Amino acid sequence: MTDGGLVPKGNPDKIQSSKATKFGSYSINDLSTLDAQEYEINHIGYDTVLVKENPNILVPVDVMREFEKEGIMENSTKTFYSTTGVGTTLESCKR
């Protein structure tokens, strides 16, 4: 789960860049890493340069898969959830 605004290209769920009222749920079931060409950041509250280059900084799929191979983790998540945290109301966060 991230409030860093990581979404697939095109922001299919139209999550707002601030004061978000919704979130997205995205499958990472068959992925060993997140490809920067397939994701974007929709967030105005921090410097997103590094995350644009490597989305695994926010959602460390690459590390989770390595941990699975090494036996450190078992069956890590198959889905990640994303929203934008900047200015989001408590009521929206609870949902």
PDB file of N, CA and C in Angstrom:
ATOM      1  N   MET A   1       0.850  -1.167   0.000  1.00  0.00           N
ATOM      2  CA  MET A   1       0.000   0.000   0.000  1.00  0.00           C
ATOM      3  C   MET A   1       0.895   1.230   0.000  1.00  0.00           C
ATOM      4  N   THR A   2       0.521   2.220  -0.809  1.00  0.00           N
ATOM      5  CA  THR A   2       1.277   3.462  -0.831  1.00  0.00           C
ATOM      6  C   THR A   2       0.346   4.658  -0.927  1.00  0.00           C
ATOM      7  N   ASP A   3       0.751   5.748  -0.304  1.00  0.00           N
ATOM      8  CA  ASP A   3       0.042   7.009  -0.491  1.00  0.00           C
ATOM      9  C   ASP A   3       0.893   7.938  -1.359  1.00  0.00           C
ATOM     10  N   GLY A   4       1.838   7.342  -2.097  1.00  0.00           N
ATOM     11  CA  GLY A   4       2.747   8.100  -2.946  1.00  0.00           C
ATOM     12  C   GLY A   4       2.253   8.355  -4.355  1.00  0.00           C
ATOM     13  N   GLY A   5       1.040   7.916  -4.681  1.00  0.00           N
ATOM     14  CA  GLY A   5       0.443   8.236  -5.967  1.00  0.00           C
ATOM     15  C   GLY A   5       0.932   7.413  -7.142  1.00  0.00           C
ATOM     16  N   LEU A   6       1.485   6.223  -6.905  1.00  0.00           N
ATOM     17  CA  LEU A   6       1.941   5.365  -8.001  1.00  0.00           C
ATOM     18  C   LEU A   6       0.740   4.705  -8.653  1.00  0.00           C
ATOM     19  N   VAL A   7       0.613   4.902  -9.963  1.00  0.00           N
ATOM     20  CA  VAL A   7      -0.508   4.345 -10.724  1.00  0.00           C
ATOM     21  C   VAL A   7      -0.008   3.859 -12.081  1.00  0.00           C
ATOM     22  N   PRO A   8      -0.737   2.925 -12.703  1.00  0.00           N
ATOM     23  CA  PRO A   8      -0.394   2.551 -14.071  1.00  0.00           C
ATOM     24  C   PRO A   8      -0.522   3.772 -14.994  1.00  0.00           C
ATOM     25  N   LYS A   9       0.248   3.772 -16.076  1.00  0.00           N
ATOM     26  CA  LYS A   9       0.198   4.881 -17.033  1.00  0.00           C
ATOM     27  C   LYS A   9      -1.254   5.189 -17.398  1.00  0.00           C
ATOM     28  N   GLY A  10      -1.567   6.464 -17.438  1.00  0.00           N
ATOM     29  CA  GLY A  10      -2.913   6.901 -17.776  1.00  0.00           C
ATOM     30  C   GLY A  10      -3.818   7.078 -16.571  1.00  0.00           C
ATOM     31  N   ASN A  11      -3.337   6.670 -15.382  1.00  0.00           N
ATOM     32  CA  ASN A  11      -4.123   6.811 -14.153  1.00  0.00           C
ATOM     33  C   ASN A  11      -5.553   6.300 -14.355  1.00  0.00           C
ATOM     34  N   PRO A  12      -5.706   4.990 -14.597  1.00  0.00           N
ATOM     35  CA  PRO A  12      -7.014   4.444 -14.962  1.00  0.00           C
ATOM     36  C   PRO A  12      -8.136   4.687 -13.953  1.00  0.00           C
ATOM     37  N   ASP A  13      -7.789   4.852 -12.680  1.00  0.00           N
ATOM     38  CA  ASP A  13      -8.824   5.090 -11.669  1.00  0.00           C
ATOM     39  C   ASP A  13      -9.038   6.566 -11.378  1.00  0.00           C
ATOM     40  N   LYS A  14      -8.316   7.412 -12.102  1.00  0.00           N
ATOM     41  CA  LYS A  14      -8.461   8.879 -11.975  1.00  0.00           C
ATOM     42  C   LYS A  14      -8.302   9.350 -10.533  1.00  0.00           C
ATOM     43  N   ILE A  15      -7.278   8.834  -9.869  1.00  0.00           N
ATOM     44  CA  ILE A  15      -6.978   9.250  -8.503  1.00  0.00           C
ATOM     45  C   ILE A  15      -6.450  10.677  -8.546  1.00  0.00           C
ATOM     46  N   GLN A  16      -6.989  11.516  -7.694  1.00  0.00           N
ATOM     47  CA  GLN A  16      -6.604  12.924  -7.660  1.00  0.00           C
ATOM     48  C   GLN A  16      -5.155  13.069  -7.164  1.00  0.00           C
ATOM     49  N   SER A  17      -4.466  14.124  -7.617  1.00  0.00           N
ATOM     50  CA  SER A  17      -3.070  14.347  -7.222  1.00  0.00           C
ATOM     51  C   SER A  17      -2.950  14.941  -5.821  1.00  0.00           C
ATOM     52  N   SER A  18      -4.039  15.409  -5.267  1.00  0.00           N
ATOM     53  CA  SER A  18      -4.107  15.838  -3.864  1.00  0.00           C
ATOM     54  C   SER A  18      -5.564  15.729  -3.427  1.00  0.00           C
ATOM     55  N   LYS A  19      -5.758  15.655  -2.114  1.00  0.00           N
ATOM     56  CA  LYS A  19      -7.109  15.525  -1.558  1.00  0.00           C
ATOM     57  C   LYS A  19      -7.868  14.352  -2.182  1.00  0.00           C
ATOM     58  N   ALA A  20      -7.181  13.240  -2.311  1.00  0.00           N
ATOM     59  CA  ALA A  20      -7.770  12.067  -2.960  1.00  0.00           C
ATOM     60  C   ALA A  20      -9.006  11.569  -2.226  1.00  0.00           C
ATOM     61  N   THR A  21      -9.986  11.153  -3.003  1.00  0.00           N
ATOM     62  CA  THR A  21     -11.211  10.575  -2.451  1.00  0.00           C
ATOM     63  C   THR A  21     -11.349   9.101  -2.817  1.00  0.00           C
ATOM     64  N   LYS A  22     -10.356   8.577  -3.532  1.00  0.00           N
ATOM     65  CA  LYS A  22     -10.410   7.172  -3.934  1.00  0.00           C
ATOM     66  C   LYS A  22      -9.008   6.592  -4.001  1.00  0.00           C
ATOM     67  N   PHE A  23      -8.947   5.288  -4.248  1.00  0.00           N
ATOM     68  CA  PHE A  23      -7.672   4.592  -4.368  1.00  0.00           C
ATOM     69  C   PHE A  23      -7.782   3.599  -5.511  1.00  0.00           C
ATOM     70  N   GLY A  24      -6.646   3.073  -5.925  1.00  0.00           N
ATOM     71  CA  GLY A  24      -6.626   2.059  -6.969  1.00  0.00           C
ATOM     72  C   GLY A  24      -6.050   0.765  -6.426  1.00  0.00           C
ATOM     73  N   SER A  25      -6.460  -0.332  -7.020  1.00  0.00           N
ATOM     74  CA  SER A  25      -5.985  -1.662  -6.676  1.00  0.00           C
ATOM     75  C   SER A  25      -5.376  -2.255  -7.945  1.00  0.00           C
ATOM     76  N   TYR A  26      -4.074  -2.623  -7.886  1.00  0.00           N
ATOM     77  CA  TYR A  26      -3.359  -3.024  -9.094  1.00  0.00           C
ATOM     78  C   TYR A  26      -2.646  -4.357  -8.901  1.00  0.00           C
ATOM     79  N   SER A  27      -2.845  -5.255  -9.839  1.00  0.00           N
ATOM     80  CA  SER A  27      -2.239  -6.580  -9.765  1.00  0.00           C
ATOM     81  C   SER A  27      -0.737  -6.521 -10.042  1.00  0.00           C
ATOM     82  N   ILE A  28       0.015  -7.211  -9.204  1.00  0.00           N
ATOM     83  CA  ILE A  28       1.442  -7.408  -9.433  1.00  0.00           C
ATOM     84  C   ILE A  28       1.743  -8.906  -9.389  1.00  0.00           C
ATOM     85  N   ASN A  29       0.717  -9.695  -9.589  1.00  0.00           N
ATOM     86  CA  ASN A  29       0.784 -11.145  -9.463  1.00  0.00           C
ATOM     87  C   ASN A  29       1.911 -11.771 -10.275  1.00  0.00           C
ATOM     88  N   ASP A  30       2.060 -11.386 -11.529  1.00  0.00           N
ATOM     89  CA  ASP A  30       3.044 -12.013 -12.402  1.00  0.00           C
ATOM     90  C   ASP A  30       4.290 -11.165 -12.607  1.00  0.00           C
ATOM     91  N   LEU A  31       4.468 -10.136 -11.797  1.00  0.00           N
ATOM     92  CA  LEU A  31       5.599  -9.227 -11.986  1.00  0.00           C
ATOM     93  C   LEU A  31       6.745  -9.544 -11.041  1.00  0.00           C
ATOM     94  N   SER A  32       7.962  -9.421 -11.566  1.00  0.00           N
ATOM     95  CA  SER A  32       9.141  -9.556 -10.716  1.00  0.00           C
ATOM     96  C   SER A  32       9.729  -8.187 -10.380  1.00  0.00           C
ATOM     97  N   THR A  33       9.257  -7.157 -11.069  1.00  0.00           N
ATOM     98  CA  THR A  33       9.682  -5.784 -10.842  1.00  0.00           C
ATOM     99  C   THR A  33       8.641  -4.858 -11.454  1.00  0.00           C
ATOM    100  N   LEU A  34       8.655  -3.594 -11.065  1.00  0.00           N
ATOM    101  CA  LEU A  34       7.787  -2.605 -11.687  1.00  0.00           C
ATOM    102  C   LEU A  34       8.593  -1.845 -12.733  1.00  0.00           C
ATOM    103  N   ASP A  35       8.087  -1.790 -13.936  1.00  0.00           N
ATOM    104  CA  ASP A  35       8.754  -1.140 -15.056  1.00  0.00           C
ATOM    105  C   ASP A  35       8.342   0.328 -15.109  1.00  0.00           C
ATOM    106  N   ALA A  36       9.314   1.225 -15.087  1.00  0.00           N
ATOM    107  CA  ALA A  36       9.049   2.669 -15.096  1.00  0.00           C
ATOM    108  C   ALA A  36       8.266   3.101 -16.337  1.00  0.00           C
ATOM    109  N   GLN A  37       8.345   2.340 -17.406  1.00  0.00           N
ATOM    110  CA  GLN A  37       7.608   2.680 -18.623  1.00  0.00           C
ATOM    111  C   GLN A  37       6.105   2.411 -18.489  1.00  0.00           C
ATOM    112  N   GLU A  38       5.724   1.661 -17.477  1.00  0.00           N
ATOM    113  CA  GLU A  38       4.323   1.272 -17.318  1.00  0.00           C
ATOM    114  C   GLU A  38       3.612   1.959 -16.151  1.00  0.00           C
ATOM    115  N   TYR A  39       4.357   2.768 -15.377  1.00  0.00           N
ATOM    116  CA  TYR A  39       3.784   3.433 -14.212  1.00  0.00           C
ATOM    117  C   TYR A  39       4.111   4.915 -14.229  1.00  0.00           C
ATOM    118  N   GLU A  40       3.291   5.683 -13.534  1.00  0.00           N
ATOM    119  CA  GLU A  40       3.522   7.117 -13.387  1.00  0.00           C
ATOM    120  C   GLU A  40       3.162   7.523 -11.964  1.00  0.00           C
ATOM    121  N   ILE A  41       3.556   8.733 -11.602  1.00  0.00           N
ATOM    122  CA  ILE A  41       3.246   9.272 -10.284  1.00  0.00           C
ATOM    123  C   ILE A  41       2.231  10.388 -10.454  1.00  0.00           C
ATOM    124  N   ASN A  42       1.163  10.304  -9.685  1.00  0.00           N
ATOM    125  CA  ASN A  42       0.133  11.332  -9.693  1.00  0.00           C
ATOM    126  C   ASN A  42       0.061  11.902  -8.279  1.00  0.00           C
ATOM    127  N   HIS A  43       1.024  12.760  -7.950  1.00  0.00           N
ATOM    128  CA  HIS A  43       1.153  13.287  -6.592  1.00  0.00           C
ATOM    129  C   HIS A  43       1.859  14.632  -6.674  1.00  0.00           C
ATOM    130  N   ILE A  44       1.381  15.621  -5.927  1.00  0.00           N
ATOM    131  CA  ILE A  44       2.017  16.941  -5.977  1.00  0.00           C
ATOM    132  C   ILE A  44       2.753  17.290  -4.685  1.00  0.00           C
ATOM    133  N   GLY A  45       2.869  16.346  -3.753  1.00  0.00           N
ATOM    134  CA  GLY A  45       3.398  16.671  -2.434  1.00  0.00           C
ATOM    135  C   GLY A  45       4.849  16.313  -2.180  1.00  0.00           C
ATOM    136  N   TYR A  46       5.569  15.776  -3.165  1.00  0.00           N
ATOM    137  CA  TYR A  46       6.977  15.450  -2.960  1.00  0.00           C
ATOM    138  C   TYR A  46       7.697  15.414  -4.299  1.00  0.00           C
ATOM    139  N   ASP A  47       9.023  15.367  -4.253  1.00  0.00           N
ATOM    140  CA  ASP A  47       9.833  15.290  -5.463  1.00  0.00           C
ATOM    141  C   ASP A  47       9.774  13.856  -5.986  1.00  0.00           C
ATOM    142  N   THR A  48       9.180  13.666  -7.134  1.00  0.00           N
ATOM    143  CA  THR A  48       8.915  12.330  -7.664  1.00  0.00           C
ATOM    144  C   THR A  48       9.952  11.833  -8.672  1.00  0.00           C
ATOM    145  N   VAL A  49      11.026  12.572  -8.863  1.00  0.00           N
ATOM    146  CA  VAL A  49      12.008  12.240  -9.901  1.00  0.00           C
ATOM    147  C   VAL A  49      12.523  10.804  -9.770  1.00  0.00           C
ATOM    148  N   LEU A  50      12.986  10.422  -8.593  1.00  0.00           N
ATOM    149  CA  LEU A  50      13.554   9.084  -8.420  1.00  0.00           C
ATOM    150  C   LEU A  50      12.521   7.977  -8.584  1.00  0.00           C
ATOM    151  N   VAL A  51      11.311   8.220  -8.114  1.00  0.00           N
ATOM    152  CA  VAL A  51      10.261   7.209  -8.238  1.00  0.00           C
ATOM    153  C   VAL A  51       9.853   7.043  -9.699  1.00  0.00           C
ATOM    154  N   LYS A  52       9.858   8.122 -10.458  1.00  0.00           N
ATOM    155  CA  LYS A  52       9.569   8.008 -11.892  1.00  0.00           C
ATOM    156  C   LYS A  52      10.596   7.132 -12.593  1.00  0.00           C
ATOM    157  N   GLU A  53      11.847   7.209 -12.145  1.00  0.00           N
ATOM    158  CA  GLU A  53      12.907   6.392 -12.723  1.00  0.00           C
ATOM    159  C   GLU A  53      12.812   4.938 -12.267  1.00  0.00           C
ATOM    160  N   ASN A  54      12.358   4.724 -11.026  1.00  0.00           N
ATOM    161  CA  ASN A  54      12.286   3.377 -10.465  1.00  0.00           C
ATOM    162  C   ASN A  54      11.101   3.277  -9.508  1.00  0.00           C
ATOM    163  N   PRO A  55       9.923   2.870 -10.010  1.00  0.00           N
ATOM    164  CA  PRO A  55       8.735   2.788  -9.151  1.00  0.00           C
ATOM    165  C   PRO A  55       8.867   1.785  -8.008  1.00  0.00           C
ATOM    166  N   ASN A  56       9.856   0.897  -8.080  1.00  0.00           N
ATOM    167  CA  ASN A  56      10.077  -0.049  -6.980  1.00  0.00           C
ATOM    168  C   ASN A  56      10.492   0.650  -5.697  1.00  0.00           C
ATOM    169  N   ILE A  57      10.876   1.914  -5.779  1.00  0.00           N
ATOM    170  CA  ILE A  57      11.191   2.678  -4.573  1.00  0.00           C
ATOM    171  C   ILE A  57       9.955   2.803  -3.686  1.00  0.00           C
ATOM    172  N   LEU A  58       8.785   2.973  -4.296  1.00  0.00           N
ATOM    173  CA  LEU A  58       7.531   3.073  -3.529  1.00  0.00           C
ATOM    174  C   LEU A  58       6.919   1.715  -3.242  1.00  0.00           C
ATOM    175  N   VAL A  59       6.916   0.855  -4.227  1.00  0.00           N
ATOM    176  CA  VAL A  59       6.331  -0.478  -4.092  1.00  0.00           C
ATOM    177  C   VAL A  59       7.432  -1.468  -4.471  1.00  0.00           C
ATOM    178  N   PRO A  60       8.182  -1.955  -3.480  1.00  0.00           N
ATOM    179  CA  PRO A  60       9.400  -2.729  -3.755  1.00  0.00           C
ATOM    180  C   PRO A  60       9.146  -4.160  -4.220  1.00  0.00           C
ATOM    181  N   VAL A  61       8.487  -4.286  -5.351  1.00  0.00           N
ATOM    182  CA  VAL A  61       8.187  -5.606  -5.898  1.00  0.00           C
ATOM    183  C   VAL A  61       9.474  -6.389  -6.136  1.00  0.00           C
ATOM    184  N   ASP A  62      10.497  -5.730  -6.658  1.00  0.00           N
ATOM    185  CA  ASP A  62      11.759  -6.409  -6.934  1.00  0.00           C
ATOM    186  C   ASP A  62      12.353  -7.036  -5.672  1.00  0.00           C
ATOM    187  N   VAL A  63      12.329  -6.319  -4.579  1.00  0.00           N
ATOM    188  CA  VAL A  63      12.879  -6.820  -3.318  1.00  0.00           C
ATOM    189  C   VAL A  63      11.989  -7.925  -2.745  1.00  0.00           C
ATOM    190  N   MET A  64      10.678  -7.755  -2.828  1.00  0.00           N
ATOM    191  CA  MET A  64       9.771  -8.793  -2.328  1.00  0.00           C
ATOM    192  C   MET A  64      10.003 -10.109  -3.051  1.00  0.00           C
ATOM    193  N   ARG A  65      10.182 -10.053  -4.365  1.00  0.00           N
ATOM    194  CA  ARG A  65      10.394 -11.286  -5.133  1.00  0.00           C
ATOM    195  C   ARG A  65      11.743 -11.927  -4.781  1.00  0.00           C
ATOM    196  N   GLU A  66      12.764 -11.114  -4.566  1.00  0.00           N
ATOM    197  CA  GLU A  66      14.057 -11.639  -4.136  1.00  0.00           C
ATOM    198  C   GLU A  66      13.923 -12.316  -2.772  1.00  0.00           C
ATOM    199  N   PHE A  67      13.208 -11.676  -1.860  1.00  0.00           N
ATOM    200  CA  PHE A  67      12.997 -12.256  -0.532  1.00  0.00           C
ATOM    201  C   PHE A  67      12.246 -13.581  -0.623  1.00  0.00           C
ATOM    202  N   GLU A  68      11.301 -13.670  -1.541  1.00  0.00           N
ATOM    203  CA  GLU A  68      10.583 -14.931  -1.739  1.00  0.00           C
ATOM    204  C   GLU A  68      11.550 -16.026  -2.191  1.00  0.00           C
ATOM    205  N   LYS A  69      12.407 -15.712  -3.164  1.00  0.00           N
ATOM    206  CA  LYS A  69      13.375 -16.685  -3.678  1.00  0.00           C
ATOM    207  C   LYS A  69      14.331 -17.144  -2.585  1.00  0.00           C
ATOM    208  N   GLU A  70      14.712 -16.230  -1.711  1.00  0.00           N
ATOM    209  CA  GLU A  70      15.657 -16.547  -0.641  1.00  0.00           C
ATOM    210  C   GLU A  70      14.982 -17.188   0.565  1.00  0.00           C
ATOM    211  N   GLY A  71      13.657 -17.288   0.557  1.00  0.00           N
ATOM    212  CA  GLY A  71      12.940 -17.886   1.673  1.00  0.00           C
ATOM    213  C   GLY A  71      12.737 -16.954   2.848  1.00  0.00           C
ATOM    214  N   ILE A  72      13.037 -15.676   2.668  1.00  0.00           N
ATOM    215  CA  ILE A  72      12.853 -14.696   3.744  1.00  0.00           C
ATOM    216  C   ILE A  72      11.376 -14.346   3.885  1.00  0.00           C
ATOM    217  N   MET A  73      10.676 -14.322   2.774  1.00  0.00           N
ATOM    218  CA  MET A  73       9.229 -14.050   2.749  1.00  0.00           C
ATOM    219  C   MET A  73       8.540 -15.197   2.027  1.00  0.00           C
ATOM    220  N   GLU A  74       7.302 -15.424   2.398  1.00  0.00           N
ATOM    221  CA  GLU A  74       6.491 -16.397   1.682  1.00  0.00           C
ATOM    222  C   GLU A  74       5.289 -15.701   1.085  1.00  0.00           C
ATOM    223  N   ASN A  75       5.015 -16.004  -0.161  1.00  0.00           N
ATOM    224  CA  ASN A  75       3.788 -15.534  -0.804  1.00  0.00           C
ATOM    225  C   ASN A  75       3.478 -14.071  -0.537  1.00  0.00           C
ATOM    226  N   SER A  76       4.362 -13.196  -0.962  1.00  0.00           N
ATOM    227  CA  SER A  76       4.084 -11.776  -0.772  1.00  0.00           C
ATOM    228  C   SER A  76       2.857 -11.379  -1.581  1.00  0.00           C
ATOM    229  N   THR A  77       2.422 -10.203  -1.380  1.00  0.00           N
ATOM    230  CA  THR A  77       1.182  -9.723  -1.961  1.00  0.00           C
ATOM    231  C   THR A  77       1.114  -9.854  -3.478  1.00  0.00           C
ATOM    232  N   LYS A  78      -0.054 -10.018  -3.978  1.00  0.00           N
ATOM    233  CA  LYS A  78      -0.299 -10.106  -5.417  1.00  0.00           C
ATOM    234  C   LYS A  78      -0.935  -8.828  -5.949  1.00  0.00           C
ATOM    235  N   THR A  79      -1.215  -7.895  -5.040  1.00  0.00           N
ATOM    236  CA  THR A  79      -1.898  -6.651  -5.391  1.00  0.00           C
ATOM    237  C   THR A  79      -1.282  -5.521  -4.576  1.00  0.00           C
ATOM    238  N   PHE A  80      -1.205  -4.336  -5.184  1.00  0.00           N
ATOM    239  CA  PHE A  80      -0.860  -3.176  -4.367  1.00  0.00           C
ATOM    240  C   PHE A  80      -1.949  -2.137  -4.505  1.00  0.00           C
ATOM    241  N   TYR A  81      -2.130  -1.363  -3.451  1.00  0.00           N
ATOM    242  CA  TYR A  81      -3.143  -0.324  -3.375  1.00  0.00           C
ATOM    243  C   TYR A  81      -2.440   1.021  -3.356  1.00  0.00           C
ATOM    244  N   SER A  82      -3.008   1.986  -4.073  1.00  0.00           N
ATOM    245  CA  SER A  82      -2.364   3.290  -4.168  1.00  0.00           C
ATOM    246  C   SER A  82      -3.380   4.416  -4.099  1.00  0.00           C
ATOM    247  N   THR A  83      -2.969   5.484  -3.440  1.00  0.00           N
ATOM    248  CA  THR A  83      -3.734   6.722  -3.382  1.00  0.00           C
ATOM    249  C   THR A  83      -2.734   7.859  -3.243  1.00  0.00           C
ATOM    250  N   THR A  84      -3.241   9.051  -3.057  1.00  0.00           N
ATOM    251  CA  THR A  84      -2.394  10.214  -2.831  1.00  0.00           C
ATOM    252  C   THR A  84      -2.657  10.726  -1.431  1.00  0.00           C
ATOM    253  N   GLY A  85      -1.606  10.857  -0.639  1.00  0.00           N
ATOM    254  CA  GLY A  85      -1.775  11.229   0.758  1.00  0.00           C
ATOM    255  C   GLY A  85      -1.876  12.712   1.022  1.00  0.00           C
ATOM    256  N   VAL A  86      -1.372  13.547   0.141  1.00  0.00           N
ATOM    257  CA  VAL A  86      -1.317  14.980   0.405  1.00  0.00           C
ATOM    258  C   VAL A  86      -2.730  15.582   0.453  1.00  0.00           C
ATOM    259  N   GLY A  87      -3.094  16.110   1.606  1.00  0.00           N
ATOM    260  CA  GLY A  87      -4.383  16.776   1.765  1.00  0.00           C
ATOM    261  C   GLY A  87      -5.580  15.852   1.828  1.00  0.00           C
ATOM    262  N   THR A  88      -5.362  14.555   1.861  1.00  0.00           N
ATOM    263  CA  THR A  88      -6.480  13.607   1.893  1.00  0.00           C
ATOM    264  C   THR A  88      -7.135  13.636   3.271  1.00  0.00           C
ATOM    265  N   THR A  89      -8.434  13.697   3.292  1.00  0.00           N
ATOM    266  CA  THR A  89      -9.161  13.774   4.564  1.00  0.00           C
ATOM    267  C   THR A  89      -9.105  12.445   5.320  1.00  0.00           C
ATOM    268  N   LEU A  90      -9.260  12.526   6.609  1.00  0.00           N
ATOM    269  CA  LEU A  90      -9.283  11.337   7.441  1.00  0.00           C
ATOM    270  C   LEU A  90     -10.400  10.388   7.021  1.00  0.00           C
ATOM    271  N   GLU A  91     -11.539  10.942   6.674  1.00  0.00           N
ATOM    272  CA  GLU A  91     -12.679  10.115   6.244  1.00  0.00           C
ATOM    273  C   GLU A  91     -12.323   9.299   5.008  1.00  0.00           C
ATOM    274  N   SER A  92     -11.648   9.924   4.034  1.00  0.00           N
ATOM    275  CA  SER A  92     -11.240   9.197   2.825  1.00  0.00           C
ATOM    276  C   SER A  92     -10.201   8.129   3.153  1.00  0.00           C
ATOM    277  N   CYS A  93      -9.301   8.447   4.075  1.00  0.00           N
ATOM    278  CA  CYS A  93      -8.276   7.474   4.475  1.00  0.00           C
ATOM    279  C   CYS A  93      -8.903   6.248   5.130  1.00  0.00           C
ATOM    280  N   LYS A  94      -9.886   6.453   5.945  1.00  0.00           N
ATOM    281  CA  LYS A  94     -10.541   5.342   6.629  1.00  0.00           C
ATOM    282  C   LYS A  94     -11.185   4.378   5.629  1.00  0.00           C
ATOM    283  N   ARG A  95     -11.775   4.933   4.565  1.00  0.00           N
ATOM    284  CA  ARG A  95     -12.392   4.082   3.551  1.00  0.00           C
ATOM    285  C   ARG A  95     -11.337   3.231   2.885  1.00  0.00           C
TER     286      ARG A  95
END
